[in-house]
Protein backbone atom coordinates (compact mmCIF):
# COMPACT_ATOMS: atom_id res chain seq x y z
CA UNK A 1 -63.22 -1.31 52.73
CA UNK A 2 -60.26 -3.65 52.31
CA UNK A 3 -57.90 -3.75 49.30
CA UNK A 4 -59.50 -6.86 47.77
CA UNK A 5 -62.92 -5.22 47.78
CA UNK A 6 -61.51 -2.15 46.05
CA UNK A 7 -60.03 -4.31 43.31
CA UNK A 8 -63.28 -6.24 42.77
CA UNK A 9 -65.50 -3.16 42.63
CA UNK A 10 -63.26 -0.68 40.81
CA UNK A 11 -61.62 -2.96 38.26
CA UNK A 12 -58.05 -2.48 37.05
CA UNK A 13 -58.60 1.11 35.86
CA UNK A 14 -59.94 2.08 39.23
CA UNK A 15 -57.12 0.30 41.00
CA UNK A 16 -54.53 2.21 39.01
CA UNK A 17 -56.33 5.48 39.65
CA UNK A 18 -56.47 4.74 43.35
CA UNK A 19 -52.73 4.10 43.40
CA UNK A 20 -52.96 0.69 45.04
CA UNK A 21 -51.60 -1.47 42.20
CA UNK A 22 -47.94 -1.13 43.20
CA UNK A 23 -48.72 -2.53 46.63
CA UNK A 24 -50.66 -5.42 45.10
CA UNK A 25 -47.88 -6.35 42.71
CA UNK A 26 -44.90 -5.40 44.87
CA UNK A 27 -42.24 -8.08 45.15
CA UNK A 28 -39.94 -8.50 48.09
CA UNK A 29 -36.51 -6.98 47.52
CA UNK A 30 -33.81 -9.51 46.61
CA UNK A 31 -30.40 -9.16 48.23
CA UNK A 32 -27.65 -11.50 47.10
CA UNK A 33 -23.97 -11.76 47.93
CA UNK A 34 -21.27 -12.52 45.35
CA UNK A 35 -17.81 -13.66 46.47
CA UNK A 36 -15.02 -13.16 43.94
CA UNK A 37 -11.74 -15.07 43.77
CA UNK A 38 -10.01 -11.85 42.65
CA UNK A 39 -8.86 -8.59 44.25
CA UNK A 40 -10.44 -5.19 43.62
CA UNK A 41 -7.25 -4.01 41.95
CA UNK A 42 -8.08 -6.02 38.81
CA UNK A 43 -10.34 -3.58 36.97
CA UNK A 44 -10.88 -6.14 34.22
CA UNK A 45 -11.86 -9.28 36.10
CA UNK A 46 -13.24 -7.87 39.35
CA UNK A 47 -14.79 -5.10 37.26
CA UNK A 48 -16.95 -7.72 35.57
CA UNK A 49 -18.59 -8.56 38.91
CA UNK A 50 -19.13 -4.87 39.58
CA UNK A 51 -20.71 -4.43 36.14
CA UNK A 52 -23.04 -7.35 36.87
CA UNK A 53 -24.15 -5.78 40.14
CA UNK A 54 -24.67 -2.37 38.57
CA UNK A 55 -26.70 -3.82 35.67
CA UNK A 56 -28.94 -5.99 37.86
CA UNK A 57 -29.74 -3.06 40.12
CA UNK A 58 -30.53 -0.75 37.19
CA UNK A 59 -32.70 -3.28 35.35
CA UNK A 60 -34.68 -4.16 38.47
CA UNK A 61 -35.16 -0.59 39.63
CA UNK A 62 -33.22 -1.38 42.76
CA UNK A 63 -35.44 -4.33 43.70
CA UNK A 64 -32.67 -6.88 43.03
CA UNK A 65 -29.22 -6.08 44.39
CA UNK A 66 -26.02 -8.12 44.44
CA UNK A 67 -23.22 -7.01 46.78
CA UNK A 68 -19.76 -7.82 45.44
CA UNK A 69 -16.96 -8.96 47.75
CA UNK A 70 -13.29 -9.35 46.75
CA UNK A 71 -11.18 -12.36 47.61
CA UNK A 72 -10.60 -12.64 51.34
CA UNK A 73 -13.49 -10.44 52.43
CA UNK A 74 -16.11 -13.14 52.92
CA UNK A 75 -13.85 -16.15 52.41
CA UNK A 76 -10.52 -17.16 50.88
CA UNK A 77 -10.19 -16.88 47.09
CA UNK A 78 -10.51 -20.62 46.62
CA UNK A 79 -13.34 -21.15 49.12
CA UNK A 80 -16.19 -20.13 46.85
CA UNK A 81 -17.25 -23.56 45.60
CA UNK A 82 -17.56 -24.94 49.12
CA UNK A 83 -19.59 -21.84 50.03
CA UNK A 84 -21.98 -22.43 47.14
CA UNK A 85 -22.37 -26.07 48.11
CA UNK A 86 -23.18 -25.03 51.65
CA UNK A 87 -25.65 -22.32 50.53
CA UNK A 88 -23.53 -19.67 52.26
CA UNK A 89 -23.55 -17.36 49.23
CA UNK A 90 -25.76 -16.95 46.17
CA UNK A 91 -23.02 -16.30 43.61
CA UNK A 92 -19.29 -16.46 43.00
CA UNK A 93 -17.01 -15.07 40.35
CA UNK A 94 -14.00 -17.24 39.69
CA UNK A 95 -11.98 -19.35 37.26
CA UNK A 96 -13.28 -22.91 37.18
CA UNK A 97 -9.85 -24.45 36.69
CA UNK A 98 -8.86 -23.35 40.19
CA UNK A 99 -10.89 -26.31 41.42
CA UNK A 100 -9.43 -29.21 39.46
CA UNK A 101 -8.43 -30.66 42.82
CA UNK A 102 -12.10 -31.52 43.18
CA UNK A 103 -12.31 -32.86 39.62
CA UNK A 104 -10.26 -32.27 36.45
CA UNK A 105 -13.56 -31.68 34.63
CA UNK A 106 -13.70 -28.19 36.17
CA UNK A 107 -10.95 -27.13 33.75
CA UNK A 108 -13.17 -27.41 30.67
CA UNK A 109 -15.32 -24.57 31.95
CA UNK A 110 -12.34 -22.18 31.91
CA UNK A 111 -9.42 -23.30 29.73
CA UNK A 112 -7.41 -26.39 28.89
CA UNK A 113 -4.06 -26.67 27.10
CA UNK A 114 -4.33 -26.10 23.35
CA UNK A 115 -8.06 -25.57 23.79
CA UNK A 116 -10.64 -23.13 22.51
CA UNK A 117 -10.27 -19.41 21.86
CA UNK A 118 -12.66 -16.87 23.39
CA UNK A 119 -15.09 -16.88 20.47
CA UNK A 120 -14.91 -20.65 20.13
CA UNK A 121 -15.68 -21.04 23.83
CA UNK A 122 -18.79 -18.87 23.47
CA UNK A 123 -19.91 -20.88 20.47
CA UNK A 124 -19.34 -24.24 22.19
CA UNK A 125 -21.12 -23.21 25.37
CA UNK A 126 -24.03 -21.33 23.82
CA UNK A 127 -24.67 -23.24 20.62
CA UNK A 128 -22.79 -26.49 21.10
CA UNK A 129 -23.01 -28.92 24.00
CA UNK A 130 -20.57 -27.14 26.29
CA UNK A 131 -22.73 -25.43 28.88
CA UNK A 132 -25.30 -28.23 28.90
CA UNK A 133 -22.63 -30.85 29.63
CA UNK A 134 -20.80 -28.72 32.19
CA UNK A 135 -23.86 -27.54 34.10
CA UNK A 136 -25.05 -31.15 34.35
CA UNK A 137 -21.70 -31.93 35.99
CA UNK A 138 -21.77 -28.85 38.24
CA UNK A 139 -25.24 -29.73 39.54
CA UNK A 140 -23.56 -32.00 42.10
CA UNK A 141 -21.86 -28.88 43.49
CA UNK A 142 -25.13 -26.95 43.64
CA UNK A 143 -24.42 -24.30 41.02
CA UNK A 144 -24.97 -23.33 37.39
CA UNK A 145 -22.67 -21.18 35.28
CA UNK A 146 -22.68 -18.02 33.19
CA UNK A 147 -19.77 -16.32 31.48
CA UNK A 148 -18.18 -13.42 33.36
CA UNK A 149 -15.97 -12.61 30.37
CA UNK A 150 -13.01 -14.08 28.53
CA UNK A 151 -9.40 -12.91 28.64
CA UNK A 152 -8.66 -14.04 25.09
CA UNK A 153 -5.41 -15.87 24.42
CA UNK A 154 -3.10 -15.25 27.34
CA UNK A 155 0.61 -14.64 27.62
CA UNK A 156 3.00 -17.40 28.62
CA UNK A 157 4.13 -15.73 31.79
CA UNK A 158 7.04 -14.00 33.53
CA UNK A 159 10.39 -15.70 34.18
CA UNK A 160 13.38 -14.69 36.22
CA UNK A 161 15.65 -16.41 33.71
CA UNK A 162 15.55 -16.99 29.95
CA UNK A 163 13.85 -20.14 28.62
CA UNK A 164 15.96 -21.40 25.73
CA UNK A 165 14.96 -25.05 25.79
CA UNK A 166 12.79 -27.61 27.57
CA UNK A 167 15.71 -28.29 29.88
CA UNK A 168 15.36 -24.78 31.32
CA UNK A 169 11.93 -25.72 32.68
CA UNK A 170 13.20 -28.52 34.88
CA UNK A 171 12.93 -27.63 38.55
CA UNK A 172 11.34 -24.26 37.77
CA UNK A 173 9.02 -23.16 40.61
CA UNK A 174 6.11 -21.53 38.78
CA UNK A 175 2.77 -20.11 39.87
CA UNK A 176 0.10 -21.69 37.69
CA UNK A 177 -3.53 -20.71 38.08
CA UNK A 178 -4.70 -24.27 38.24
CA UNK A 179 -6.05 -26.80 35.83
CA UNK A 180 -4.72 -29.49 33.57
CA UNK A 181 -1.84 -27.37 32.35
CA UNK A 182 -0.27 -27.73 35.78
CA UNK A 183 -0.11 -31.47 35.16
CA UNK A 184 1.31 -30.92 31.68
CA UNK A 185 3.95 -28.54 33.00
CA UNK A 186 4.84 -31.06 35.70
CA UNK A 187 5.68 -33.54 32.94
CA UNK A 188 8.15 -30.94 31.65
CA UNK A 189 9.76 -30.68 35.08
CA UNK A 190 8.01 -27.56 36.34
CA UNK A 191 7.13 -27.47 40.05
CA UNK A 192 3.61 -26.01 39.93
CA UNK A 193 2.43 -23.60 42.63
CA UNK A 194 -1.24 -22.59 42.91
CA UNK A 195 -1.68 -19.29 44.78
CA UNK A 196 -3.88 -16.19 44.60
CA UNK A 197 -2.63 -13.44 42.30
CA UNK A 198 -2.11 -11.06 45.20
CA UNK A 199 0.59 -13.27 46.74
CA UNK A 200 2.73 -13.74 43.64
CA UNK A 201 4.77 -10.52 43.52
CA UNK A 202 6.31 -11.04 46.93
CA UNK A 203 7.10 -14.69 46.15
CA UNK A 204 8.92 -13.69 42.95
CA UNK A 205 10.75 -10.91 44.75
CA UNK A 206 11.95 -13.28 47.48
CA UNK A 207 12.90 -15.98 44.98
CA UNK A 208 10.50 -18.57 46.37
CA UNK A 209 9.00 -18.49 42.85
CA UNK A 210 11.01 -18.55 39.63
CA UNK A 211 8.13 -17.73 37.31
CA UNK A 212 4.44 -16.95 37.12
CA UNK A 213 1.69 -16.79 34.58
CA UNK A 214 -1.44 -14.78 35.15
CA UNK A 215 -3.33 -13.22 32.25
CA UNK A 216 -1.81 -10.65 29.93
CA UNK A 217 -0.19 -7.21 29.70
CA UNK A 218 -2.85 -5.07 31.39
CA UNK A 219 -3.38 -7.21 34.48
CA UNK A 220 0.26 -8.26 34.70
CA UNK A 221 1.46 -4.66 34.58
CA UNK A 222 -0.90 -3.65 37.39
CA UNK A 223 0.45 -6.52 39.49
CA UNK A 224 4.03 -5.35 38.81
CA UNK A 225 5.46 -8.68 37.64
CA UNK A 226 7.83 -6.94 35.19
CA UNK A 227 9.70 -5.48 38.16
CA UNK A 228 10.69 -8.87 39.56
CA UNK A 229 10.83 -11.16 36.49
CA UNK A 230 12.20 -9.54 33.30
CA UNK A 231 11.42 -12.22 30.67
CA UNK A 232 7.88 -12.21 29.25
CA UNK A 233 6.98 -15.17 27.04
CA UNK A 234 4.16 -15.86 24.58
CA UNK A 235 1.80 -17.48 23.77
CA UNK A 236 0.07 -19.02 26.78
CA UNK A 237 -0.58 -22.34 25.06
CA UNK A 238 -2.49 -23.54 28.10
CA UNK A 239 -5.05 -20.72 27.80
CA UNK A 240 -6.16 -20.07 24.24
CA UNK A 241 -9.15 -18.26 25.74
CA UNK A 242 -9.67 -18.39 29.50
CA UNK A 243 -13.31 -18.03 30.49
CA UNK A 244 -14.02 -16.40 33.84
CA UNK A 245 -17.42 -17.36 35.20
CA UNK A 246 -20.24 -16.54 37.51
CA UNK A 247 -21.21 -19.58 39.56
CA UNK A 248 -24.85 -19.26 40.60
CA UNK A 249 -26.30 -21.22 43.51
CA UNK A 250 -28.99 -23.49 42.06
CA UNK A 251 -31.35 -23.15 45.02
CA UNK A 252 -31.13 -19.36 45.03
CA UNK A 253 -31.65 -19.19 41.27
CA UNK A 254 -34.71 -21.45 41.46
CA UNK A 255 -36.34 -19.07 43.95
CA UNK A 256 -36.08 -16.08 41.60
CA UNK A 257 -39.13 -14.92 39.67
CA UNK A 258 -39.00 -15.38 35.90
CA UNK A 259 -38.45 -11.63 35.61
CA UNK A 260 -35.45 -11.65 37.94
CA UNK A 261 -34.00 -14.71 36.25
CA UNK A 262 -34.18 -12.83 32.94
CA UNK A 263 -32.57 -9.77 34.53
CA UNK A 264 -29.72 -11.84 36.00
CA UNK A 265 -29.15 -13.75 32.76
CA UNK A 266 -29.05 -10.54 30.72
CA UNK A 267 -26.75 -8.82 33.20
CA UNK A 268 -24.19 -11.64 33.02
CA UNK A 269 -24.02 -11.14 29.26
CA UNK A 270 -23.46 -7.39 29.66
CA UNK A 271 -20.67 -8.03 32.17
CA UNK A 272 -19.02 -10.73 30.07
CA UNK A 273 -18.93 -8.63 26.91
CA UNK A 274 -17.56 -5.66 28.83
CA UNK A 275 -14.68 -7.67 30.31
CA UNK A 276 -13.56 -9.14 27.00
CA UNK A 277 -13.74 -5.76 25.30
CA UNK A 278 -11.61 -4.21 28.05
CA UNK A 279 -8.88 -6.77 27.50
CA UNK A 280 -8.83 -6.16 23.75
CA UNK A 281 -8.73 -2.39 24.27
CA UNK A 282 -6.22 -2.21 27.12
CA UNK A 283 -3.73 -5.05 26.48
CA UNK A 284 -1.93 -3.46 23.50
CA UNK A 285 -1.46 -0.18 25.38
CA UNK A 286 -0.01 -2.00 28.40
CA UNK A 287 2.24 -4.18 26.21
CA UNK A 288 3.81 -1.11 24.59
CA UNK A 289 4.44 0.37 28.03
CA UNK A 290 6.00 -2.86 29.32
CA UNK A 291 8.36 -3.05 26.35
CA UNK A 292 9.28 0.61 26.86
CA UNK A 293 10.12 -0.31 30.47
CA UNK A 294 12.70 -2.85 29.21
CA UNK A 295 10.57 -5.99 29.47
CA UNK A 296 12.25 -8.75 27.44
CA UNK A 297 9.42 -10.01 25.22
CA UNK A 298 10.11 -13.44 23.74
CA UNK A 299 8.26 -16.28 21.97
CA UNK A 300 8.49 -19.76 23.40
CA UNK A 301 10.92 -21.86 21.35
CA UNK A 302 9.08 -24.31 19.07
CA UNK A 303 10.68 -27.21 20.94
CA UNK A 304 9.01 -25.97 24.14
CA UNK A 305 5.64 -25.64 22.39
CA UNK A 306 5.99 -29.14 20.91
CA UNK A 307 6.92 -30.61 24.29
CA UNK A 308 3.96 -28.82 25.88
CA UNK A 309 1.59 -30.23 23.27
CA UNK A 310 2.89 -33.78 23.72
CA UNK A 311 2.68 -33.56 27.51
CA UNK A 312 -0.85 -32.11 27.34
CA UNK A 313 -2.15 -34.89 25.11
CA UNK A 314 -0.70 -37.43 27.55
CA UNK A 315 -2.56 -35.72 30.41
CA UNK A 316 -5.86 -35.82 28.50
CA UNK A 317 -5.38 -39.50 27.66
CA UNK A 318 -4.66 -40.35 31.29
CA UNK A 319 -7.81 -38.64 32.53
CA UNK A 320 -9.95 -40.15 29.78
CA UNK A 321 -8.82 -43.60 30.91
CA UNK A 322 -10.02 -42.82 34.45
CA UNK A 323 -13.33 -41.06 33.75
CA UNK A 324 -16.00 -41.67 31.12
CA UNK A 325 -17.50 -38.25 31.89
CA UNK A 326 -14.17 -36.52 31.37
CA UNK A 327 -13.75 -38.36 28.07
CA UNK A 328 -17.25 -37.42 26.91
CA UNK A 329 -16.74 -33.71 27.56
CA UNK A 330 -13.19 -33.65 26.19
CA UNK A 331 -14.12 -35.44 22.99
CA UNK A 332 -17.14 -33.19 22.48
CA UNK A 333 -14.94 -30.11 22.85
CA UNK A 334 -12.30 -31.43 20.45
CA UNK A 335 -14.89 -32.33 17.80
CA UNK A 336 -16.25 -28.80 18.05
CA UNK A 337 -12.72 -27.39 17.91
CA UNK A 338 -11.89 -29.28 14.72
CA UNK A 339 -14.80 -27.64 12.93
CA UNK A 340 -13.69 -24.26 14.27
CA UNK A 341 -10.15 -24.82 12.99
CA UNK A 342 -11.56 -25.75 9.57
CA UNK A 343 -13.59 -22.53 9.37
CA UNK A 344 -10.74 -20.42 10.75
CA UNK A 345 -8.52 -21.69 7.95
CA UNK A 346 -10.69 -19.82 5.46
CA UNK A 347 -11.71 -16.83 7.56
CA UNK A 348 -9.76 -15.17 10.37
CA UNK A 349 -6.42 -16.94 9.88
CA UNK A 350 -5.75 -15.76 6.28
CA UNK A 351 -7.20 -12.33 7.05
CA UNK A 352 -4.99 -11.89 10.13
CA UNK A 353 -1.99 -13.32 8.32
CA UNK A 354 -2.34 -10.73 5.58
CA UNK A 355 -3.24 -7.76 7.77
CA UNK A 356 -0.33 -8.49 10.13
CA UNK A 357 2.07 -8.20 7.20
CA UNK A 358 0.40 -5.19 5.64
CA UNK A 359 1.47 -1.64 6.46
CA UNK A 360 -1.51 0.15 8.01
């Protein structure tokens, strides 16, 4: 008697008793590949991809697995978007602003100068128009997005010499992760260099770079930047909250069952929350260690901040004049940001202002 006859004659109770239901309902195992733009050494960022993989496997009972590959293993760090377009991989983990050479709109999915904080980014993407607008744009590149975690407000980077005024930026060769802030810094005279994090230390050591920005104390300490550039500035006005992301191939996602889509969506949220929490937990410890190791921690002079703001607004205006889509997304983000600033004025800002001055 064949399996179909058993099911018809025995009914569901009989099928379960006979032990044939798992074979009837079994789904083919799913095996995806994820290419990261980051090295394994970054326990925060690369760790987010590893957390995603671990969570997907656990939730699916091993039926859905995602292998995670660091930058350079499957492809160069900045090759992931082309790979998604060509259906070479199912997922990537990266920073969208690395790809502003394709379009400046990519930057809005990660960070823009004087933009949103981590919590504001979540709010804009999840409950504002952010993700809807951005995923509509990214459809032409054959992927959708999900947060991989947010660094929070970043540091302003490492410098081989002190920055006392805007004049000190002129001619400065600086590694910048990508995005619109590179254009803003260029207006201030900085010669922007876009390179993977793993190549920066040697460039600073040799003097082919004068400065670099990356993330914050924990990651920067692991990369050893304090050993080759003693001045550490804050804040990173170009990254009020840099969102790392999972880029998910649209065709691969469409082929998933509803159950596996739900598993993947939930796992991205687990990974994103874990990354952001790691930064908040580990950055203060690393900062204390860096200062103990004679790092010269300094705020940017107000004149530098003011010049950066002016240059950034000029960059936004120039791109708005060229692209109606850029203007639409930028203006939507700024309208959302204004409401966030209004609320912050009565909530976290006065609380933080008081608690920072209080003796705890």
